């Protein structure tokens, strides 16, 4: 990986369930940056920032059901798995397989 370039992106968005606002956090890394703990560190940054500067009562993050590496990264960043939402995103997942069929 060349030096000086971005390794990926991390972002959050405000959303709500009824009257309770919360934030959804997400990260995407370039392939060469994966598997080195960078994603975990990147996802901790908005967690720390949002809890320090906003009256946040809930943070959440979504992954594809088969993205075990991202799920482990989120758990290392302090997230807890709550459940599986099937057929919420794209109809096809990684490799063109149908999502939410199991």
C-alpha atoms as a PDB file:
ATOM      1  CA  UNK A   1       0.000   0.000   0.000  1.00  0.00           C
ATOM      2  CA  UNK A   2       1.402   3.384  -0.920  1.00  0.00           C
ATOM      3  CA  UNK A   3       1.954   5.959   1.804  1.00  0.00           C
ATOM      4  CA  UNK A   4      -0.025   9.163   2.006  1.00  0.00           C
ATOM      5  CA  UNK A   5      -3.315   7.814   0.660  1.00  0.00           C
ATOM      6  CA  UNK A   6      -6.555   7.280   2.501  1.00  0.00           C
ATOM      7  CA  UNK A   7      -7.020   3.787   3.909  1.00  0.00           C
ATOM      8  CA  UNK A   8     -10.790   4.066   3.897  1.00  0.00           C
ATOM      9  CA  UNK A   9     -13.708   6.050   5.207  1.00  0.00           C
ATOM     10  CA  UNK A  10     -15.733   6.127   8.402  1.00  0.00           C
ATOM     11  CA  UNK A  11     -19.018   7.968   8.769  1.00  0.00           C
ATOM     12  CA  UNK A  12     -22.194   8.170  10.773  1.00  0.00           C
ATOM     13  CA  UNK A  13     -25.730   9.301  10.193  1.00  0.00           C
ATOM     14  CA  UNK A  14     -28.531  10.386  12.473  1.00  0.00           C
ATOM     15  CA  UNK A  15     -31.638   8.242  12.394  1.00  0.00           C
ATOM     16  CA  UNK A  16     -34.508   7.474  14.744  1.00  0.00           C
ATOM     17  CA  UNK A  17     -36.975   4.886  15.873  1.00  0.00           C
ATOM     18  CA  UNK A  18     -40.086   6.784  16.783  1.00  0.00           C
ATOM     19  CA  UNK A  19     -39.083   9.730  18.943  1.00  0.00           C
ATOM     20  CA  UNK A  20     -35.688   8.361  19.990  1.00  0.00           C
ATOM     21  CA  UNK A  21     -32.801   9.627  17.841  1.00  0.00           C
ATOM     22  CA  UNK A  22     -29.655   7.556  17.514  1.00  0.00           C
ATOM     23  CA  UNK A  23     -26.631   7.270  15.228  1.00  0.00           C
ATOM     24  CA  UNK A  24     -25.645   4.564  12.759  1.00  0.00           C
ATOM     25  CA  UNK A  25     -21.877   4.146  12.282  1.00  0.00           C
ATOM     26  CA  UNK A  26     -20.127   2.589   9.301  1.00  0.00           C
ATOM     27  CA  UNK A  27     -16.652   2.109   7.884  1.00  0.00           C
ATOM     28  CA  UNK A  28     -15.207   0.881   4.624  1.00  0.00           C
ATOM     29  CA  UNK A  29     -11.536   0.079   4.118  1.00  0.00           C
ATOM     30  CA  UNK A  30      -9.456  -0.437   1.024  1.00  0.00           C
ATOM     31  CA  UNK A  31      -8.532  -4.120   0.607  1.00  0.00           C
ATOM     32  CA  UNK A  32      -4.866  -3.514   1.488  1.00  0.00           C
ATOM     33  CA  UNK A  33      -5.827  -1.977   4.835  1.00  0.00           C
ATOM     34  CA  UNK A  34      -7.955  -4.884   6.018  1.00  0.00           C
ATOM     35  CA  UNK A  35      -6.951  -7.426   8.630  1.00  0.00           C
ATOM     36  CA  UNK A  36      -4.612  -5.109  10.543  1.00  0.00           C
ATOM     37  CA  UNK A  37      -6.910  -3.642  13.216  1.00  0.00           C
ATOM     38  CA  UNK A  38      -7.378  -0.393  11.306  1.00  0.00           C
ATOM     39  CA  UNK A  39     -11.144  -0.889  10.953  1.00  0.00           C
ATOM     40  CA  UNK A  40     -11.578  -1.467  14.673  1.00  0.00           C
ATOM     41  CA  UNK A  41      -9.588   1.672  15.502  1.00  0.00           C
ATOM     42  CA  UNK A  42     -11.474   3.671  12.868  1.00  0.00           C
ATOM     43  CA  UNK A  43     -14.858   2.641  14.263  1.00  0.00           C
ATOM     44  CA  UNK A  44     -13.843   3.523  17.810  1.00  0.00           C
ATOM     45  CA  UNK A  45     -13.206   7.141  16.733  1.00  0.00           C
ATOM     46  CA  UNK A  46     -16.821   8.101  15.962  1.00  0.00           C
ATOM     47  CA  UNK A  47     -18.042   6.089  18.968  1.00  0.00           C
ATOM     48  CA  UNK A  48     -15.833   8.114  21.316  1.00  0.00           C
ATOM     49  CA  UNK A  49     -16.615  11.375  19.517  1.00  0.00           C
ATOM     50  CA  UNK A  50     -20.385  10.906  19.430  1.00  0.00           C
ATOM     51  CA  UNK A  51     -20.672   9.916  23.098  1.00  0.00           C
ATOM     52  CA  UNK A  52     -18.436  12.849  24.099  1.00  0.00           C
ATOM     53  CA  UNK A  53     -20.202  15.560  22.076  1.00  0.00           C
ATOM     54  CA  UNK A  54     -23.841  14.524  21.597  1.00  0.00           C
ATOM     55  CA  UNK A  55     -26.630  13.273  23.872  1.00  0.00           C
ATOM     56  CA  UNK A  56     -26.463   9.852  22.222  1.00  0.00           C
ATOM     57  CA  UNK A  57     -28.295   7.004  23.922  1.00  0.00           C
ATOM     58  CA  UNK A  58     -27.754   4.447  21.164  1.00  0.00           C
ATOM     59  CA  UNK A  59     -25.231   3.717  18.430  1.00  0.00           C
ATOM     60  CA  UNK A  60     -25.689   0.961  15.911  1.00  0.00           C
ATOM     61  CA  UNK A  61     -23.875  -0.477  12.914  1.00  0.00           C
ATOM     62  CA  UNK A  62     -25.045  -2.825  10.179  1.00  0.00           C
ATOM     63  CA  UNK A  63     -23.138  -5.548   8.355  1.00  0.00           C
ATOM     64  CA  UNK A  64     -23.964  -8.156   5.786  1.00  0.00           C
ATOM     65  CA  UNK A  65     -24.727 -11.488   7.457  1.00  0.00           C
ATOM     66  CA  UNK A  66     -21.640 -13.128   5.956  1.00  0.00           C
ATOM     67  CA  UNK A  67     -19.190 -10.338   6.802  1.00  0.00           C
ATOM     68  CA  UNK A  68     -17.698 -12.043   9.851  1.00  0.00           C
ATOM     69  CA  UNK A  69     -14.545  -9.894   9.821  1.00  0.00           C
ATOM     70  CA  UNK A  70     -16.610  -6.699  10.086  1.00  0.00           C
ATOM     71  CA  UNK A  71     -18.740  -8.214  12.842  1.00  0.00           C
ATOM     72  CA  UNK A  72     -15.593  -9.086  14.841  1.00  0.00           C
ATOM     73  CA  UNK A  73     -14.240  -5.589  14.248  1.00  0.00           C
ATOM     74  CA  UNK A  74     -17.421  -4.017  15.578  1.00  0.00           C
ATOM     75  CA  UNK A  75     -17.388  -6.253  18.654  1.00  0.00           C
ATOM     76  CA  UNK A  76     -13.773  -5.207  19.345  1.00  0.00           C
ATOM     77  CA  UNK A  77     -14.902  -1.578  19.010  1.00  0.00           C
ATOM     78  CA  UNK A  78     -17.505  -2.143  21.750  1.00  0.00           C
ATOM     79  CA  UNK A  79     -20.640  -3.043  19.811  1.00  0.00           C
ATOM     80  CA  UNK A  80     -22.886  -5.935  20.856  1.00  0.00           C
ATOM     81  CA  UNK A  81     -24.733  -8.094  18.364  1.00  0.00           C
ATOM     82  CA  UNK A  82     -28.487  -7.776  18.814  1.00  0.00           C
ATOM     83  CA  UNK A  83     -29.996  -9.667  15.954  1.00  0.00           C
ATOM     84  CA  UNK A  84     -30.274 -10.303  12.251  1.00  0.00           C
ATOM     85  CA  UNK A  85     -32.456  -8.245   9.916  1.00  0.00           C
ATOM     86  CA  UNK A  86     -33.078 -10.288   6.816  1.00  0.00           C
ATOM     87  CA  UNK A  87     -33.762  -8.848   3.358  1.00  0.00           C
ATOM     88  CA  UNK A  88     -33.334  -5.250   4.533  1.00  0.00           C
ATOM     89  CA  UNK A  89     -30.600  -4.104   2.163  1.00  0.00           C
ATOM     90  CA  UNK A  90     -29.822  -5.097  -1.361  1.00  0.00           C
ATOM     91  CA  UNK A  91     -31.506  -8.211  -2.727  1.00  0.00           C
ATOM     92  CA  UNK A  92     -28.083  -9.633  -3.502  1.00  0.00           C
ATOM     93  CA  UNK A  93     -25.023  -9.763  -1.309  1.00  0.00           C
ATOM     94  CA  UNK A  94     -21.364 -10.463  -1.876  1.00  0.00           C
ATOM     95  CA  UNK A  95     -20.750 -12.608  -4.916  1.00  0.00           C
ATOM     96  CA  UNK A  96     -24.287 -12.103  -6.235  1.00  0.00           C
ATOM     97  CA  UNK A  97     -25.875 -14.452  -3.717  1.00  0.00           C
ATOM     98  CA  UNK A  98     -29.394 -13.827  -2.484  1.00  0.00           C
ATOM     99  CA  UNK A  99     -29.465 -12.106   0.939  1.00  0.00           C
ATOM    100  CA  UNK A 100     -31.763 -13.113   3.765  1.00  0.00           C
ATOM    101  CA  UNK A 101     -32.600 -16.568   2.537  1.00  0.00           C
ATOM    102  CA  UNK A 102     -31.382 -18.460   5.595  1.00  0.00           C
END
